[in-house]
């Protein structure tokens, strides 16, 4: 008969407790984020003044909408396809390449959408985005 101290069911703890490590990492991350937003390096400059006028920047985006009755709207104003073609060619000739945001009604005709895409292609505008809900 052998003599034992303790229970036979007791086992050694072989796991590492990661909770304190996670707590320390979260605190360090918060400190880093706070100091990174506070420290905004900027160089103080005194820029020279000129008499040149500021030129108006080309539009960043052009909104084209097509409703279910195949009516085309340019920035909220109704236009014909010929007027749209002239406007896009004018923008392209001015050296601009704005993003075109195309909104088409789901009940509308695909033919009108295809015509608008062809017009933008003729005007050499390639940044086209389809807007959805």
C-alpha atoms as a PDB file:
ATOM      1  CA  UNK A   1       0.000   0.000   0.000  1.00  0.00           C
ATOM      2  CA  UNK A   2       1.506   3.284  -1.119  1.00  0.00           C
ATOM      3  CA  UNK A   3       1.090   6.568   0.632  1.00  0.00           C
ATOM      4  CA  UNK A   4      -0.151   9.582  -1.491  1.00  0.00           C
ATOM      5  CA  UNK A   5      -0.616  13.213  -0.664  1.00  0.00           C
ATOM      6  CA  UNK A   6      -3.540  14.922  -2.420  1.00  0.00           C
ATOM      7  CA  UNK A   7      -6.177  13.573  -4.743  1.00  0.00           C
ATOM      8  CA  UNK A   8      -5.566  11.426  -7.749  1.00  0.00           C
ATOM      9  CA  UNK A   9      -7.815  13.731  -9.834  1.00  0.00           C
ATOM     10  CA  UNK A  10      -5.726  16.836  -9.319  1.00  0.00           C
ATOM     11  CA  UNK A  11      -3.737  17.900 -12.369  1.00  0.00           C
ATOM     12  CA  UNK A  12      -1.156  20.565 -12.956  1.00  0.00           C
ATOM     13  CA  UNK A  13      -2.269  23.812 -14.549  1.00  0.00           C
ATOM     14  CA  UNK A  14      -0.680  23.822 -18.003  1.00  0.00           C
ATOM     15  CA  UNK A  15      -2.461  26.855 -19.522  1.00  0.00           C
ATOM     16  CA  UNK A  16      -1.164  30.388 -19.866  1.00  0.00           C
ATOM     17  CA  UNK A  17      -3.512  33.133 -18.713  1.00  0.00           C
ATOM     18  CA  UNK A  18      -3.752  35.592 -21.632  1.00  0.00           C
ATOM     19  CA  UNK A  19      -6.182  38.070 -20.088  1.00  0.00           C
ATOM     20  CA  UNK A  20      -3.508  40.303 -18.472  1.00  0.00           C
ATOM     21  CA  UNK A  21      -1.567  40.338 -21.752  1.00  0.00           C
ATOM     22  CA  UNK A  22      -4.679  41.393 -23.679  1.00  0.00           C
ATOM     23  CA  UNK A  23      -5.406  44.142 -21.132  1.00  0.00           C
ATOM     24  CA  UNK A  24      -1.891  45.537 -21.478  1.00  0.00           C
ATOM     25  CA  UNK A  25      -2.086  45.465 -25.282  1.00  0.00           C
ATOM     26  CA  UNK A  26      -5.420  47.316 -25.266  1.00  0.00           C
ATOM     27  CA  UNK A  27      -4.034  50.009 -22.963  1.00  0.00           C
ATOM     28  CA  UNK A  28      -0.966  50.410 -25.182  1.00  0.00           C
ATOM     29  CA  UNK A  29      -3.149  50.644 -28.286  1.00  0.00           C
ATOM     30  CA  UNK A  30      -5.323  53.360 -26.703  1.00  0.00           C
ATOM     31  CA  UNK A  31      -2.236  55.330 -25.663  1.00  0.00           C
ATOM     32  CA  UNK A  32      -0.823  55.019 -29.180  1.00  0.00           C
ATOM     33  CA  UNK A  33      -4.077  56.182 -30.823  1.00  0.00           C
ATOM     34  CA  UNK A  34      -4.422  59.168 -28.488  1.00  0.00           C
ATOM     35  CA  UNK A  35      -0.843  60.331 -28.972  1.00  0.00           C
ATOM     36  CA  UNK A  36      -0.965  59.760 -32.744  1.00  0.00           C
ATOM     37  CA  UNK A  37      -4.005  62.020 -33.130  1.00  0.00           C
ATOM     38  CA  UNK A  38      -2.641  64.719 -30.825  1.00  0.00           C
ATOM     39  CA  UNK A  39       0.751  64.898 -32.453  1.00  0.00           C
ATOM     40  CA  UNK A  40      -0.024  66.303 -35.881  1.00  0.00           C
ATOM     41  CA  UNK A  41       3.290  67.366 -37.375  1.00  0.00           C
ATOM     42  CA  UNK A  42       2.950  70.481 -39.470  1.00  0.00           C
ATOM     43  CA  UNK A  43       5.477  72.886 -40.837  1.00  0.00           C
ATOM     44  CA  UNK A  44       4.650  76.536 -40.177  1.00  0.00           C
ATOM     45  CA  UNK A  45       4.835  78.377 -43.495  1.00  0.00           C
ATOM     46  CA  UNK A  46       4.293  81.976 -44.464  1.00  0.00           C
ATOM     47  CA  UNK A  47       3.185  81.705 -48.083  1.00  0.00           C
ATOM     48  CA  UNK A  48       3.694  84.598 -50.496  1.00  0.00           C
ATOM     49  CA  UNK A  49       0.752  86.630 -51.748  1.00  0.00           C
ATOM     50  CA  UNK A  50       0.045  86.933 -55.484  1.00  0.00           C
ATOM     51  CA  UNK A  51      -2.359  88.962 -57.567  1.00  0.00           C
ATOM     52  CA  UNK A  52      -3.440  86.006 -59.727  1.00  0.00           C
ATOM     53  CA  UNK A  53      -7.059  85.010 -59.522  1.00  0.00           C
ATOM     54  CA  UNK A  54      -8.045  81.538 -58.461  1.00  0.00           C
ATOM     55  CA  UNK A  55      -9.381  79.474 -61.331  1.00  0.00           C
ATOM     56  CA  UNK A  56     -12.511  77.484 -60.753  1.00  0.00           C
ATOM     57  CA  UNK A  57     -11.770  73.794 -60.445  1.00  0.00           C
ATOM     58  CA  UNK A  58     -13.523  71.417 -62.830  1.00  0.00           C
ATOM     59  CA  UNK A  59     -16.410  69.521 -61.318  1.00  0.00           C
ATOM     60  CA  UNK A  60     -15.423  66.441 -59.400  1.00  0.00           C
ATOM     61  CA  UNK A  61     -18.503  64.508 -60.455  1.00  0.00           C
ATOM     62  CA  UNK A  62     -21.367  64.754 -62.902  1.00  0.00           C
ATOM     63  CA  UNK A  63     -24.723  63.312 -61.842  1.00  0.00           C
ATOM     64  CA  UNK A  64     -26.783  61.780 -64.634  1.00  0.00           C
ATOM     65  CA  UNK A  65     -30.217  60.419 -63.760  1.00  0.00           C
ATOM     66  CA  UNK A  66     -32.620  58.434 -65.915  1.00  0.00           C
ATOM     67  CA  UNK A  67     -36.216  58.025 -64.755  1.00  0.00           C
ATOM     68  CA  UNK A  68     -38.678  55.290 -65.679  1.00  0.00           C
ATOM     69  CA  UNK A  69     -40.046  57.357 -68.585  1.00  0.00           C
ATOM     70  CA  UNK A  70     -36.570  57.501 -70.190  1.00  0.00           C
ATOM     71  CA  UNK A  71     -36.090  61.187 -69.339  1.00  0.00           C
ATOM     72  CA  UNK A  72     -32.462  62.176 -68.752  1.00  0.00           C
ATOM     73  CA  UNK A  73     -31.420  64.634 -66.054  1.00  0.00           C
ATOM     74  CA  UNK A  74     -28.016  66.287 -65.772  1.00  0.00           C
ATOM     75  CA  UNK A  75     -27.293  67.475 -62.217  1.00  0.00           C
ATOM     76  CA  UNK A  76     -31.038  67.514 -61.565  1.00  0.00           C
ATOM     77  CA  UNK A  77     -31.984  69.471 -64.710  1.00  0.00           C
ATOM     78  CA  UNK A  78     -33.828  67.758 -67.579  1.00  0.00           C
ATOM     79  CA  UNK A  79     -31.772  67.557 -70.796  1.00  0.00           C
ATOM     80  CA  UNK A  80     -31.973  65.832 -74.133  1.00  0.00           C
ATOM     81  CA  UNK A  81     -29.384  63.324 -75.242  1.00  0.00           C
ATOM     82  CA  UNK A  82     -27.895  65.901 -77.663  1.00  0.00           C
ATOM     83  CA  UNK A  83     -27.546  68.460 -74.860  1.00  0.00           C
ATOM     84  CA  UNK A  84     -25.924  65.802 -72.685  1.00  0.00           C
ATOM     85  CA  UNK A  85     -23.501  64.949 -75.496  1.00  0.00           C
ATOM     86  CA  UNK A  86     -22.524  68.636 -75.930  1.00  0.00           C
ATOM     87  CA  UNK A  87     -22.067  69.138 -72.182  1.00  0.00           C
ATOM     88  CA  UNK A  88     -19.871  66.044 -71.769  1.00  0.00           C
ATOM     89  CA  UNK A  89     -17.782  66.939 -74.829  1.00  0.00           C
ATOM     90  CA  UNK A  90     -17.268  70.435 -73.398  1.00  0.00           C
ATOM     91  CA  UNK A  91     -16.063  68.963 -70.108  1.00  0.00           C
ATOM     92  CA  UNK A  92     -13.769  66.542 -71.926  1.00  0.00           C
ATOM     93  CA  UNK A  93     -12.372  69.285 -74.178  1.00  0.00           C
ATOM     94  CA  UNK A  94     -11.564  71.397 -71.122  1.00  0.00           C
ATOM     95  CA  UNK A  95      -9.213  68.654 -69.988  1.00  0.00           C
ATOM     96  CA  UNK A  96     -11.390  67.373 -67.180  1.00  0.00           C
ATOM     97  CA  UNK A  97     -12.144  63.741 -66.448  1.00  0.00           C
ATOM     98  CA  UNK A  98     -14.818  63.903 -63.753  1.00  0.00           C
ATOM     99  CA  UNK A  99     -16.460  60.873 -62.253  1.00  0.00           C
ATOM    100  CA  UNK A 100     -19.872  60.246 -63.763  1.00  0.00           C
ATOM    101  CA  UNK A 101     -22.478  59.011 -61.309  1.00  0.00           C
ATOM    102  CA  UNK A 102     -25.249  57.290 -63.255  1.00  0.00           C
ATOM    103  CA  UNK A 103     -28.581  56.740 -61.530  1.00  0.00           C
ATOM    104  CA  UNK A 104     -31.162  54.762 -63.486  1.00  0.00           C
ATOM    105  CA  UNK A 105     -34.651  53.811 -62.381  1.00  0.00           C
ATOM    106  CA  UNK A 106     -35.094  50.054 -62.094  1.00  0.00           C
ATOM    107  CA  UNK A 107     -38.278  50.286 -64.190  1.00  0.00           C
ATOM    108  CA  UNK A 108     -36.512  52.317 -66.892  1.00  0.00           C
ATOM    109  CA  UNK A 109     -35.433  51.127 -70.303  1.00  0.00           C
ATOM    110  CA  UNK A 110     -31.960  49.739 -70.748  1.00  0.00           C
ATOM    111  CA  UNK A 111     -31.822  51.387 -74.169  1.00  0.00           C
ATOM    112  CA  UNK A 112     -31.559  54.844 -72.598  1.00  0.00           C
ATOM    113  CA  UNK A 113     -28.827  53.674 -70.234  1.00  0.00           C
ATOM    114  CA  UNK A 114     -26.896  52.215 -73.171  1.00  0.00           C
ATOM    115  CA  UNK A 115     -27.238  55.491 -75.092  1.00  0.00           C
ATOM    116  CA  UNK A 116     -25.928  57.490 -72.119  1.00  0.00           C
ATOM    117  CA  UNK A 117     -22.990  55.090 -71.767  1.00  0.00           C
ATOM    118  CA  UNK A 118     -22.237  55.489 -75.495  1.00  0.00           C
ATOM    119  CA  UNK A 119     -22.325  59.294 -75.136  1.00  0.00           C
ATOM    120  CA  UNK A 120     -19.857  59.188 -72.232  1.00  0.00           C
ATOM    121  CA  UNK A 121     -17.623  56.898 -74.264  1.00  0.00           C
ATOM    122  CA  UNK A 122     -17.715  59.340 -77.215  1.00  0.00           C
ATOM    123  CA  UNK A 123     -16.667  62.130 -74.856  1.00  0.00           C
ATOM    124  CA  UNK A 124     -13.675  60.026 -73.674  1.00  0.00           C
ATOM    125  CA  UNK A 125     -14.920  59.955 -70.082  1.00  0.00           C
ATOM    126  CA  UNK A 126     -14.095  56.687 -68.395  1.00  0.00           C
ATOM    127  CA  UNK A 127     -14.904  57.120 -64.700  1.00  0.00           C
ATOM    128  CA  UNK A 128     -18.496  55.867 -64.527  1.00  0.00           C
ATOM    129  CA  UNK A 129     -20.196  54.711 -61.349  1.00  0.00           C
ATOM    130  CA  UNK A 130     -23.662  53.206 -61.093  1.00  0.00           C
ATOM    131  CA  UNK A 131     -25.475  54.545 -58.034  1.00  0.00           C
ATOM    132  CA  UNK A 132     -27.760  52.154 -56.164  1.00  0.00           C
ATOM    133  CA  UNK A 133     -29.591  52.165 -52.878  1.00  0.00           C
END
